[in-house]
Amino acid sequence: MTNQLHKYLFSDRLTRLQTVFLEEAWQQAFEHRDYPEPVQTLLGELTAAAVLLAANLKMQGSLILQAQGDGPVSLLVVECTSTLEVRATVSLKEGVTIDPQADFKSLLNPKGEGRLVVILEPRAQDSFKPYQGIVPLEGNSIAEALQSYMQHSEQLDTQLCLAANHERATGMLLQRLPATEQANTQEEDSWARNQPLFATLKPEELLANNNDTLIKRLFWQEDLLQLPAEAVRWHCPCTRERVSNMLKMLGEAEIQDILKEQGKIEVACQFCGAPYTFDVVDCAQLFHPNSSGPTSQKLH
């Protein structure tokens, strides 16, 4: 069940149900980072949501969710590819202290000026065009903000329940699919029947139970078609080579100035926080690959 996304269809094919449960993949987000607990929760909820939404992409590429805030958290970013490779990061305002009891609104949107940005980035060979949607950050949670976006921008009735802590990030999505003419003749479809049940689900239940247990508890009367599970993994494409290329773009003169001041160059990946250190010899080899250092000489 861990690090997997599960998909289900109700028997009338009018409603989809999806669940995601991340443990190891989520814990990798903190291998080089240390976020306050309320920030971990927000980032985990956005991560679970990104996986749930990216699983329905009709293109090869990435879904990027950004929550831009006017509070102590200035930016949350999660990227999930169509193959369910995910990475996430947070930007905090300098000098702020995070209240352990802080909630979504106080962290991200205390003045009501926050924005939710949804970006679709197709791969170069894909025929889809890039897309960016920007809407006000509405509601009192990540789930409510995304539900509002899906309703008003995508015209899709969507319910989300999201939860996260340091150990796991998890979520469940219920979404109404476009109705067929035959289905429109039914007195009550699966969405109308099950949306009120889904609305009773609490985030703490997601953390305390596995998804199979919750599905049986909520939808025991339904005949669900279960689709093959999909693996989710944490992946950040940063490498020492990419960092080297970035340093080369700064130019040798600027690199030498930094070395004179600091003695070495330390760079951390903006997403995963992985550290990369370049000493004098490393920097010399960036611009003079055959050099062993700025003062290298032949030894006898």
C-alpha atoms as a PDB file:
ATOM      1  CA  MET A   1       0.000   0.000   0.000  1.00  0.00           C
ATOM      2  CA  THR A   2       2.880   2.435   0.609  1.00  0.00           C
ATOM      3  CA  ASN A   3       4.118   4.739  -2.146  1.00  0.00           C
ATOM      4  CA  GLN A   4       1.221   3.754  -4.357  1.00  0.00           C
ATOM      5  CA  LEU A   5      -1.713   5.358  -6.075  1.00  0.00           C
ATOM      6  CA  HIS A   6      -4.934   3.370  -6.450  1.00  0.00           C
ATOM      7  CA  LYS A   7      -7.772   4.131  -8.843  1.00  0.00           C
ATOM      8  CA  TYR A   8     -11.374   2.964  -8.773  1.00  0.00           C
ATOM      9  CA  LEU A   9     -14.478   3.513 -10.890  1.00  0.00           C
ATOM     10  CA  PHE A  10     -18.018   3.254  -9.634  1.00  0.00           C
ATOM     11  CA  SER A  11     -20.312   0.880 -11.506  1.00  0.00           C
ATOM     12  CA  ASP A  12     -22.139   3.638 -13.421  1.00  0.00           C
ATOM     13  CA  ARG A  13     -18.752   5.031 -14.610  1.00  0.00           C
ATOM     14  CA  LEU A  14     -19.785   8.504 -13.487  1.00  0.00           C
ATOM     15  CA  THR A  15     -17.440   8.843 -10.513  1.00  0.00           C
ATOM     16  CA  ARG A  16     -13.765   8.117  -9.993  1.00  0.00           C
ATOM     17  CA  LEU A  17     -12.152   7.414  -6.656  1.00  0.00           C
ATOM     18  CA  GLN A  18      -8.404   7.659  -6.102  1.00  0.00           C
ATOM     19  CA  THR A  19      -6.169   7.174  -3.093  1.00  0.00           C
ATOM     20  CA  VAL A  20      -2.477   7.798  -2.494  1.00  0.00           C
ATOM     21  CA  PHE A  21      -0.368   6.740   0.469  1.00  0.00           C
ATOM     22  CA  LEU A  22       3.278   7.787   0.702  1.00  0.00           C
ATOM     23  CA  GLU A  23       5.788   6.850   3.371  1.00  0.00           C
ATOM     24  CA  GLU A  24       9.369   6.262   2.165  1.00  0.00           C
ATOM     25  CA  ALA A  25       8.838   8.509  -0.843  1.00  0.00           C
ATOM     26  CA  TRP A  26       7.544  11.267   1.431  1.00  0.00           C
ATOM     27  CA  GLN A  27      10.258  10.888   4.063  1.00  0.00           C
ATOM     28  CA  GLN A  28      12.886  11.497   1.381  1.00  0.00           C
ATOM     29  CA  ALA A  29      11.607  15.071   1.232  1.00  0.00           C
ATOM     30  CA  PHE A  30      13.299  15.669   4.605  1.00  0.00           C
ATOM     31  CA  GLU A  31      16.580  13.891   3.971  1.00  0.00           C
ATOM     32  CA  HIS A  32      18.304  17.272   3.592  1.00  0.00           C
ATOM     33  CA  ARG A  33      15.574  19.573   4.935  1.00  0.00           C
ATOM     34  CA  ASP A  34      14.114  20.354   8.333  1.00  0.00           C
ATOM     35  CA  TYR A  35      10.740  22.078   8.174  1.00  0.00           C
ATOM     36  CA  PRO A  36       8.532  22.967  11.169  1.00  0.00           C
ATOM     37  CA  GLU A  37       5.696  20.485  11.702  1.00  0.00           C
ATOM     38  CA  PRO A  38       2.841  22.717  10.430  1.00  0.00           C
ATOM     39  CA  VAL A  39       4.871  23.389   7.268  1.00  0.00           C
ATOM     40  CA  GLN A  40       5.480  19.668   6.780  1.00  0.00           C
ATOM     41  CA  THR A  41       1.737  19.135   6.974  1.00  0.00           C
ATOM     42  CA  LEU A  42       0.964  21.742   4.315  1.00  0.00           C
ATOM     43  CA  LEU A  43       3.675  20.474   1.981  1.00  0.00           C
ATOM     44  CA  GLY A  44       2.571  16.867   2.453  1.00  0.00           C
ATOM     45  CA  GLU A  45      -1.039  17.723   1.675  1.00  0.00           C
ATOM     46  CA  LEU A  46      -0.013  19.546  -1.496  1.00  0.00           C
ATOM     47  CA  THR A  47       2.218  16.624  -2.456  1.00  0.00           C
ATOM     48  CA  ALA A  48      -0.584  14.084  -2.051  1.00  0.00           C
ATOM     49  CA  ALA A  49      -2.906  16.342  -4.057  1.00  0.00           C
ATOM     50  CA  ALA A  50      -0.361  16.733  -6.873  1.00  0.00           C
ATOM     51  CA  VAL A  51      -0.045  12.957  -7.209  1.00  0.00           C
ATOM     52  CA  LEU A  52      -3.824  12.498  -7.256  1.00  0.00           C
ATOM     53  CA  LEU A  53      -4.276  15.136  -9.966  1.00  0.00           C
ATOM     54  CA  ALA A  54      -1.216  14.199 -12.048  1.00  0.00           C
ATOM     55  CA  ALA A  55      -2.499  10.634 -12.280  1.00  0.00           C
ATOM     56  CA  ASN A  56      -5.222  11.898 -14.628  1.00  0.00           C
ATOM     57  CA  LEU A  57      -3.001  13.859 -17.010  1.00  0.00           C
ATOM     58  CA  LYS A  58      -3.719  13.185 -20.673  1.00  0.00           C
ATOM     59  CA  MET A  59      -0.216  14.272 -21.661  1.00  0.00           C
ATOM     60  CA  GLN A  60       3.350  13.205 -21.011  1.00  0.00           C
ATOM     61  CA  GLY A  61       4.886  15.830 -18.793  1.00  0.00           C
ATOM     62  CA  SER A  62       4.505  17.444 -15.381  1.00  0.00           C
ATOM     63  CA  LEU A  63       1.879  19.004 -13.171  1.00  0.00           C
ATOM     64  CA  ILE A  64       3.201  21.764 -10.903  1.00  0.00           C
ATOM     65  CA  LEU A  65       1.174  23.133  -7.993  1.00  0.00           C
ATOM     66  CA  GLN A  66       2.289  26.380  -6.354  1.00  0.00           C
ATOM     67  CA  ALA A  67       0.695  28.000  -3.337  1.00  0.00           C
ATOM     68  CA  GLN A  68       2.003  31.563  -3.053  1.00  0.00           C
ATOM     69  CA  GLY A  69       1.321  33.111   0.322  1.00  0.00           C
ATOM     70  CA  ASP A  70       1.442  36.420   2.165  1.00  0.00           C
ATOM     71  CA  GLY A  71       2.226  34.784   5.511  1.00  0.00           C
ATOM     72  CA  PRO A  72       5.309  33.104   7.015  1.00  0.00           C
ATOM     73  CA  VAL A  73       5.213  30.549   4.167  1.00  0.00           C
ATOM     74  CA  SER A  74       5.872  32.498   0.987  1.00  0.00           C
ATOM     75  CA  LEU A  75       5.817  29.559  -1.427  1.00  0.00           C
ATOM     76  CA  LEU A  76       4.945  25.869  -1.575  1.00  0.00           C
ATOM     77  CA  VAL A  77       5.875  24.035  -4.772  1.00  0.00           C
ATOM     78  CA  VAL A  78       5.206  20.430  -5.777  1.00  0.00           C
ATOM     79  CA  GLU A  79       5.986  18.898  -9.145  1.00  0.00           C
ATOM     80  CA  CYS A  80       4.612  15.492 -10.146  1.00  0.00           C
ATOM     81  CA  THR A  81       5.258  13.917 -13.521  1.00  0.00           C
ATOM     82  CA  SER A  82       2.817  11.840 -15.532  1.00  0.00           C
ATOM     83  CA  THR A  83       4.866   8.809 -14.427  1.00  0.00           C
ATOM     84  CA  LEU A  84       4.293   9.804 -10.772  1.00  0.00           C
ATOM     85  CA  GLU A  85       7.767  11.020  -9.910  1.00  0.00           C
ATOM     86  CA  VAL A  86       7.360  13.755  -7.338  1.00  0.00           C
ATOM     87  CA  ARG A  87       9.459  16.446  -5.663  1.00  0.00           C
ATOM     88  CA  ALA A  88       8.521  19.336  -3.385  1.00  0.00           C
ATOM     89  CA  THR A  89       9.957  22.356  -1.608  1.00  0.00           C
ATOM     90  CA  VAL A  90       9.033  25.284   0.645  1.00  0.00           C
ATOM     91  CA  SER A  91      10.226  28.887   0.894  1.00  0.00           C
ATOM     92  CA  LEU A  92       9.870  30.535   4.303  1.00  0.00           C
ATOM     93  CA  LYS A  93      10.219  34.231   5.008  1.00  0.00           C
ATOM     94  CA  GLU A  94      13.492  35.055   6.720  1.00  0.00           C
ATOM     95  CA  GLY A  95      13.440  35.591  10.447  1.00  0.00           C
ATOM     96  CA  VAL A  96       9.955  34.206  11.040  1.00  0.00           C
ATOM     97  CA  THR A  97       9.051  31.839  13.843  1.00  0.00           C
ATOM     98  CA  ILE A  98       6.437  29.229  13.003  1.00  0.00           C
ATOM     99  CA  ASP A  99       3.760  28.709  15.631  1.00  0.00           C
ATOM    100  CA  PRO A 100       3.385  24.937  16.251  1.00  0.00           C
ATOM    101  CA  GLN A 101      -0.398  25.437  16.171  1.00  0.00           C
ATOM    102  CA  ALA A 102      -0.390  27.474  12.952  1.00  0.00           C
ATOM    103  CA  ASP A 103      -2.966  26.500  10.353  1.00  0.00           C
ATOM    104  CA  PHE A 104      -3.310  26.899   6.584  1.00  0.00           C
ATOM    105  CA  LYS A 105      -4.708  30.412   6.726  1.00  0.00           C
ATOM    106  CA  SER A 106      -2.204  31.859   9.207  1.00  0.00           C
ATOM    107  CA  LEU A 107       0.751  30.286   7.418  1.00  0.00           C
ATOM    108  CA  LEU A 108      -0.180  31.040   3.820  1.00  0.00           C
ATOM    109  CA  ASN A 109      -3.051  33.450   3.543  1.00  0.00           C
ATOM    110  CA  PRO A 110      -3.512  35.728   6.587  1.00  0.00           C
ATOM    111  CA  LYS A 111      -4.309  38.809   4.457  1.00  0.00           C
ATOM    112  CA  GLY A 112      -6.297  36.926   1.828  1.00  0.00           C
ATOM    113  CA  GLU A 113      -3.806  37.794  -0.902  1.00  0.00           C
ATOM    114  CA  GLY A 114      -2.462  34.289  -1.556  1.00  0.00           C
ATOM    115  CA  ARG A 115      -2.560  32.683  -5.001  1.00  0.00           C
ATOM    116  CA  LEU A 116      -2.834  29.131  -6.267  1.00  0.00           C
ATOM    117  CA  VAL A 117      -0.920  28.439  -9.472  1.00  0.00           C
ATOM    118  CA  VAL A 118      -1.501  25.309 -11.561  1.00  0.00           C
ATOM    119  CA  ILE A 119       1.029  24.643 -14.337  1.00  0.00           C
ATOM    120  CA  LEU A 120       1.038  21.918 -16.963  1.00  0.00           C
ATOM    121  CA  GLU A 121       4.402  21.376 -18.642  1.00  0.00           C
ATOM    122  CA  PRO A 122       4.254  18.864 -21.522  1.00  0.00           C
ATOM    123  CA  ARG A 123       7.389  17.145 -22.678  1.00  0.00           C
ATOM    124  CA  ALA A 124       8.980  18.606 -25.785  1.00  0.00           C
ATOM    125  CA  GLN A 125       7.703  15.801 -28.008  1.00  0.00           C
ATOM    126  CA  ASP A 126       4.133  16.045 -26.710  1.00  0.00           C
ATOM    127  CA  SER A 127       1.525  17.877 -28.808  1.00  0.00           C
ATOM    128  CA  PHE A 128      -0.105  19.555 -25.790  1.00  0.00           C
ATOM    129  CA  LYS A 129       0.582  23.230 -25.155  1.00  0.00           C
ATOM    130  CA  PRO A 130       1.888  24.490 -21.792  1.00  0.00           C
ATOM    131  CA  TYR A 131      -0.798  25.835 -19.465  1.00  0.00           C
ATOM    132  CA  GLN A 132      -0.797  28.097 -16.433  1.00  0.00           C
ATOM    133  CA  GLY A 133      -3.789  28.973 -14.308  1.00  0.00           C
ATOM    134  CA  ILE A 134      -3.676  31.480 -11.434  1.00  0.00           C
ATOM    135  CA  VAL A 135      -6.576  31.839  -9.004  1.00  0.00           C
ATOM    136  CA  PRO A 136      -7.052  33.300  -5.510  1.00  0.00           C
ATOM    137  CA  LEU A 137      -6.120  30.951  -2.692  1.00  0.00           C
ATOM    138  CA  GLU A 138      -9.652  30.280  -1.427  1.00  0.00           C
ATOM    139  CA  GLY A 139     -10.816  28.198   1.515  1.00  0.00           C
ATOM    140  CA  ASN A 140      -9.326  27.096   4.812  1.00  0.00           C
ATOM    141  CA  SER A 141      -7.145  24.230   3.599  1.00  0.00           C
ATOM    142  CA  ILE A 142      -5.137  22.963   0.643  1.00  0.00           C
ATOM    143  CA  ALA A 143      -8.033  20.632  -0.156  1.00  0.00           C
ATOM    144  CA  GLU A 144     -10.601  23.443  -0.226  1.00  0.00           C
ATOM    145  CA  ALA A 145      -8.372  25.642  -2.391  1.00  0.00           C
ATOM    146  CA  LEU A 146      -7.944  22.869  -4.961  1.00  0.00           C
ATOM    147  CA  GLN A 147     -11.613  21.929  -4.896  1.00  0.00           C
ATOM    148  CA  SER A 148     -12.475  25.536  -5.707  1.00  0.00           C
ATOM    149  CA  TYR A 149      -9.972  25.550  -8.565  1.00  0.00           C
ATOM    150  CA  MET A 150     -11.290  22.294 -10.032  1.00  0.00           C
ATOM    151  CA  GLN A 151     -14.885  23.510  -9.841  1.00  0.00           C
ATOM    152  CA  HIS A 152     -14.387  26.976 -11.331  1.00  0.00           C
ATOM    153  CA  SER A 153     -11.465  26.435 -13.719  1.00  0.00           C
ATOM    154  CA  GLU A 154     -11.950  22.824 -14.820  1.00  0.00           C
ATOM    155  CA  GLN A 155     -15.729  22.522 -14.268  1.00  0.00           C
ATOM    156  CA  LEU A 156     -15.208  19.235 -12.443  1.00  0.00           C
ATOM    157  CA  ASP A 157     -16.990  18.457  -9.184  1.00  0.00           C
ATOM    158  CA  THR A 158     -14.142  17.275  -6.971  1.00  0.00           C
ATOM    159  CA  GLN A 159     -13.827  16.382  -3.312  1.00  0.00           C
ATOM    160  CA  LEU A 160     -10.429  15.992  -1.653  1.00  0.00           C
ATOM    161  CA  CYS A 161      -9.341  14.822   1.762  1.00  0.00           C
ATOM    162  CA  LEU A 162      -5.631  15.294   2.469  1.00  0.00           C
ATOM    163  CA  ALA A 163      -3.411  14.630   5.460  1.00  0.00           C
ATOM    164  CA  ALA A 164       0.284  14.560   6.267  1.00  0.00           C
ATOM    165  CA  ASN A 165       2.840  14.483   9.049  1.00  0.00           C
ATOM    166  CA  HIS A 166       6.569  13.745   9.135  1.00  0.00           C
ATOM    167  CA  GLU A 167       6.010  10.029   8.480  1.00  0.00           C
ATOM    168  CA  ARG A 168       3.445   9.967   5.697  1.00  0.00           C
ATOM    169  CA  ALA A 169       1.455  11.966   3.187  1.00  0.00           C
ATOM    170  CA  THR A 170      -1.875  10.613   2.075  1.00  0.00           C
ATOM    171  CA  GLY A 171      -5.010  11.666   0.268  1.00  0.00           C
ATOM    172  CA  MET A 172      -8.269  10.596  -1.287  1.00  0.00           C
ATOM    173  CA  LEU A 173     -10.084  12.094  -4.277  1.00  0.00           C
ATOM    174  CA  LEU A 174     -13.691  11.697  -5.376  1.00  0.00           C
ATOM    175  CA  GLN A 175     -14.466  13.239  -8.752  1.00  0.00           C
ATOM    176  CA  ARG A 176     -17.563  13.400 -10.899  1.00  0.00           C
ATOM    177  CA  LEU A 177     -16.944  12.453 -14.523  1.00  0.00           C
ATOM    178  CA  PRO A 178     -18.867  13.885 -17.479  1.00  0.00           C
ATOM    179  CA  ALA A 179     -22.252  12.142 -17.690  1.00  0.00           C
ATOM    180  CA  THR A 180     -23.387  10.156 -20.693  1.00  0.00           C
ATOM    181  CA  GLU A 181     -26.886  10.599 -22.092  1.00  0.00           C
ATOM    182  CA  GLN A 182     -27.871   7.169 -20.756  1.00  0.00           C
ATOM    183  CA  ALA A 183     -26.540   7.948 -17.291  1.00  0.00           C
ATOM    184  CA  ASN A 184     -28.460  11.228 -17.209  1.00  0.00           C
ATOM    185  CA  THR A 185     -31.702   9.267 -17.120  1.00  0.00           C
ATOM    186  CA  GLN A 186     -30.813   7.675 -13.791  1.00  0.00           C
ATOM    187  CA  GLU A 187     -32.615   9.061 -10.758  1.00  0.00           C
ATOM    188  CA  GLU A 188     -29.481   9.097  -8.640  1.00  0.00           C
ATOM    189  CA  ASP A 189     -25.915   8.634  -9.848  1.00  0.00           C
ATOM    190  CA  SER A 190     -22.896   7.472  -7.864  1.00  0.00           C
ATOM    191  CA  TRP A 191     -21.683  11.036  -7.253  1.00  0.00           C
ATOM    192  CA  ALA A 192     -24.924  12.196  -5.677  1.00  0.00           C
ATOM    193  CA  ARG A 193     -25.064   9.034  -3.599  1.00  0.00           C
ATOM    194  CA  ASN A 194     -21.491   9.046  -2.325  1.00  0.00           C
ATOM    195  CA  GLN A 195     -20.374  12.673  -2.147  1.00  0.00           C
ATOM    196  CA  PRO A 196     -22.155  13.191   1.217  1.00  0.00           C
ATOM    197  CA  LEU A 197     -20.420  10.072   2.569  1.00  0.00           C
ATOM    198  CA  PHE A 198     -17.032  11.252   1.351  1.00  0.00           C
ATOM    199  CA  ALA A 199     -17.603  14.644   3.009  1.00  0.00           C
ATOM    200  CA  THR A 200     -17.639  12.924   6.418  1.00  0.00           C
ATOM    201  CA  LEU A 201     -14.025  11.749   5.996  1.00  0.00           C
ATOM    202  CA  LYS A 202     -11.542  13.499   8.289  1.00  0.00           C
ATOM    203  CA  PRO A 203      -7.769  13.994   7.709  1.00  0.00           C
ATOM    204  CA  GLU A 204      -6.948  12.205  10.956  1.00  0.00           C
ATOM    205  CA  GLU A 205      -8.733   9.115   9.631  1.00  0.00           C
ATOM    206  CA  LEU A 206      -6.423   9.077   6.626  1.00  0.00           C
ATOM    207  CA  LEU A 207      -3.378   9.036   8.904  1.00  0.00           C
ATOM    208  CA  ALA A 208      -4.784   6.409  11.282  1.00  0.00           C
ATOM    209  CA  ASN A 209      -6.103   3.892   8.729  1.00  0.00           C
ATOM    210  CA  ASN A 210      -4.958   2.312   5.510  1.00  0.00           C
ATOM    211  CA  ASN A 211      -6.890   3.297   2.419  1.00  0.00           C
ATOM    212  CA  ASP A 212      -8.483  -0.128   1.897  1.00  0.00           C
ATOM    213  CA  THR A 213     -10.071   0.101   5.332  1.00  0.00           C
ATOM    214  CA  LEU A 214     -11.491   3.555   4.629  1.00  0.00           C
ATOM    215  CA  ILE A 215     -12.881   2.566   1.227  1.00  0.00           C
ATOM    216  CA  LYS A 216     -14.663  -0.444   2.695  1.00  0.00           C
ATOM    217  CA  ARG A 217     -16.007   1.705   5.513  1.00  0.00           C
ATOM    218  CA  LEU A 218     -17.306   4.473   3.250  1.00  0.00           C
ATOM    219  CA  PHE A 219     -18.364   2.626   0.120  1.00  0.00           C
ATOM    220  CA  TRP A 220     -19.215  -0.863   1.340  1.00  0.00           C
ATOM    221  CA  GLN A 221     -22.477  -0.823  -0.633  1.00  0.00           C
ATOM    222  CA  GLU A 222     -20.802   0.049  -3.951  1.00  0.00           C
ATOM    223  CA  ASP A 223     -19.480  -2.223  -6.679  1.00  0.00           C
ATOM    224  CA  LEU A 224     -16.096  -0.645  -7.385  1.00  0.00           C
ATOM    225  CA  LEU A 225     -13.885  -1.488 -10.344  1.00  0.00           C
ATOM    226  CA  GLN A 226     -10.290  -1.394  -9.120  1.00  0.00           C
ATOM    227  CA  LEU A 227      -7.657  -0.435 -11.684  1.00  0.00           C
ATOM    228  CA  PRO A 228      -3.976  -1.489 -11.455  1.00  0.00           C
ATOM    229  CA  ALA A 229      -1.991   0.277  -8.731  1.00  0.00           C
ATOM    230  CA  GLU A 230       0.713   2.740  -9.783  1.00  0.00           C
ATOM    231  CA  ALA A 231       4.003   3.263  -7.970  1.00  0.00           C
ATOM    232  CA  VAL A 232       4.950   6.744  -6.774  1.00  0.00           C
ATOM    233  CA  ARG A 233       8.546   7.726  -6.113  1.00  0.00           C
ATOM    234  CA  TRP A 234      10.431  10.754  -4.917  1.00  0.00           C
ATOM    235  CA  HIS A 235      12.772  11.997  -7.603  1.00  0.00           C
ATOM    236  CA  CYS A 236      14.861  15.126  -7.931  1.00  0.00           C
ATOM    237  CA  PRO A 237      16.950  15.393 -11.111  1.00  0.00           C
ATOM    238  CA  CYS A 238      19.680  17.486  -9.509  1.00  0.00           C
ATOM    239  CA  THR A 239      23.234  16.200 -10.046  1.00  0.00           C
ATOM    240  CA  ARG A 240      26.750  17.470  -9.406  1.00  0.00           C
ATOM    241  CA  GLU A 241      27.130  17.888 -13.166  1.00  0.00           C
ATOM    242  CA  ARG A 242      24.112  20.213 -13.334  1.00  0.00           C
ATOM    243  CA  VAL A 243      25.428  22.274 -10.448  1.00  0.00           C
ATOM    244  CA  SER A 244      28.822  22.439 -12.163  1.00  0.00           C
ATOM    245  CA  ASN A 245      27.210  23.777 -15.308  1.00  0.00           C
ATOM    246  CA  MET A 246      25.385  26.410 -13.280  1.00  0.00           C
ATOM    247  CA  LEU A 247      28.629  27.534 -11.638  1.00  0.00           C
ATOM    248  CA  LYS A 248      30.319  27.772 -15.035  1.00  0.00           C
ATOM    249  CA  MET A 249      27.609  30.185 -16.138  1.00  0.00           C
ATOM    250  CA  LEU A 250      28.687  32.542 -13.336  1.00  0.00           C
ATOM    251  CA  GLY A 251      32.102  32.865 -14.956  1.00  0.00           C
ATOM    252  CA  GLU A 252      35.597  32.193 -13.651  1.00  0.00           C
ATOM    253  CA  ALA A 253      36.142  35.680 -12.258  1.00  0.00           C
ATOM    254  CA  GLU A 254      33.042  35.573 -10.037  1.00  0.00           C
ATOM    255  CA  ILE A 255      33.848  32.036  -8.885  1.00  0.00           C
ATOM    256  CA  GLN A 256      37.340  33.184  -7.866  1.00  0.00           C
ATOM    257  CA  ASP A 257      35.859  36.106  -5.926  1.00  0.00           C
ATOM    258  CA  ILE A 258      33.605  33.716  -3.987  1.00  0.00           C
ATOM    259  CA  LEU A 259      36.521  31.405  -3.248  1.00  0.00           C
ATOM    260  CA  LYS A 260      38.624  34.313  -1.927  1.00  0.00           C
ATOM    261  CA  GLU A 261      35.808  35.268   0.421  1.00  0.00           C
ATOM    262  CA  GLN A 262      34.584  31.832   1.530  1.00  0.00           C
ATOM    263  CA  GLY A 263      37.340  29.359   0.671  1.00  0.00           C
ATOM    264  CA  LYS A 264      34.850  27.008  -0.993  1.00  0.00           C
ATOM    265  CA  ILE A 265      31.459  27.084  -2.691  1.00  0.00           C
ATOM    266  CA  GLU A 266      28.492  25.340  -1.114  1.00  0.00           C
ATOM    267  CA  VAL A 267      25.299  24.907  -3.120  1.00  0.00           C
ATOM    268  CA  ALA A 268      22.070  23.209  -2.015  1.00  0.00           C
ATOM    269  CA  CYS A 269      19.429  22.040  -4.468  1.00  0.00           C
ATOM    270  CA  GLN A 270      16.430  24.354  -4.282  1.00  0.00           C
ATOM    271  CA  PHE A 271      14.045  21.394  -4.288  1.00  0.00           C
ATOM    272  CA  CYS A 272      15.554  18.514  -2.336  1.00  0.00           C
ATOM    273  CA  GLY A 273      18.226  20.407  -0.407  1.00  0.00           C
ATOM    274  CA  ALA A 274      20.989  18.010  -1.454  1.00  0.00           C
ATOM    275  CA  PRO A 275      24.357  19.704  -0.662  1.00  0.00           C
ATOM    276  CA  TYR A 276      27.143  20.129  -3.201  1.00  0.00           C
ATOM    277  CA  THR A 277      30.572  21.446  -2.180  1.00  0.00           C
ATOM    278  CA  PHE A 278      33.277  22.718  -4.549  1.00  0.00           C
ATOM    279  CA  ASP A 279      36.751  23.486  -3.224  1.00  0.00           C
ATOM    280  CA  VAL A 280      39.558  25.371  -4.983  1.00  0.00           C
ATOM    281  CA  VAL A 281      40.605  22.336  -7.018  1.00  0.00           C
ATOM    282  CA  ASP A 282      37.031  21.515  -8.025  1.00  0.00           C
ATOM    283  CA  CYS A 283      36.460  25.085  -9.202  1.00  0.00           C
ATOM    284  CA  ALA A 284      39.706  25.177 -11.177  1.00  0.00           C
ATOM    285  CA  GLN A 285      38.644  22.040 -13.021  1.00  0.00           C
ATOM    286  CA  LEU A 286      35.355  23.648 -14.001  1.00  0.00           C
ATOM    287  CA  PHE A 287      37.211  26.029 -16.314  1.00  0.00           C
ATOM    288  CA  HIS A 288      40.449  24.100 -16.869  1.00  0.00           C
ATOM    289  CA  PRO A 289      39.504  20.400 -16.970  1.00  0.00           C
ATOM    290  CA  ASN A 290      43.114  19.228 -17.203  1.00  0.00           C
ATOM    291  CA  SER A 291      44.186  21.323 -14.223  1.00  0.00           C
ATOM    292  CA  SER A 292      44.675  19.844 -10.767  1.00  0.00           C
ATOM    293  CA  GLY A 293      44.337  23.263  -9.172  1.00  0.00           C
ATOM    294  CA  PRO A 294      45.366  26.887  -9.564  1.00  0.00           C
ATOM    295  CA  THR A 295      48.925  26.228  -8.340  1.00  0.00           C
ATOM    296  CA  SER A 296      49.433  22.710  -9.641  1.00  0.00           C
ATOM    297  CA  GLN A 297      52.973  21.694 -10.522  1.00  0.00           C
ATOM    298  CA  LYS A 298      54.760  18.549 -11.555  1.00  0.00           C
ATOM    299  CA  LEU A 299      55.951  16.437  -8.645  1.00  0.00           C
ATOM    300  CA  HIS A 300      59.191  14.519  -8.794  1.00  0.00           C
END
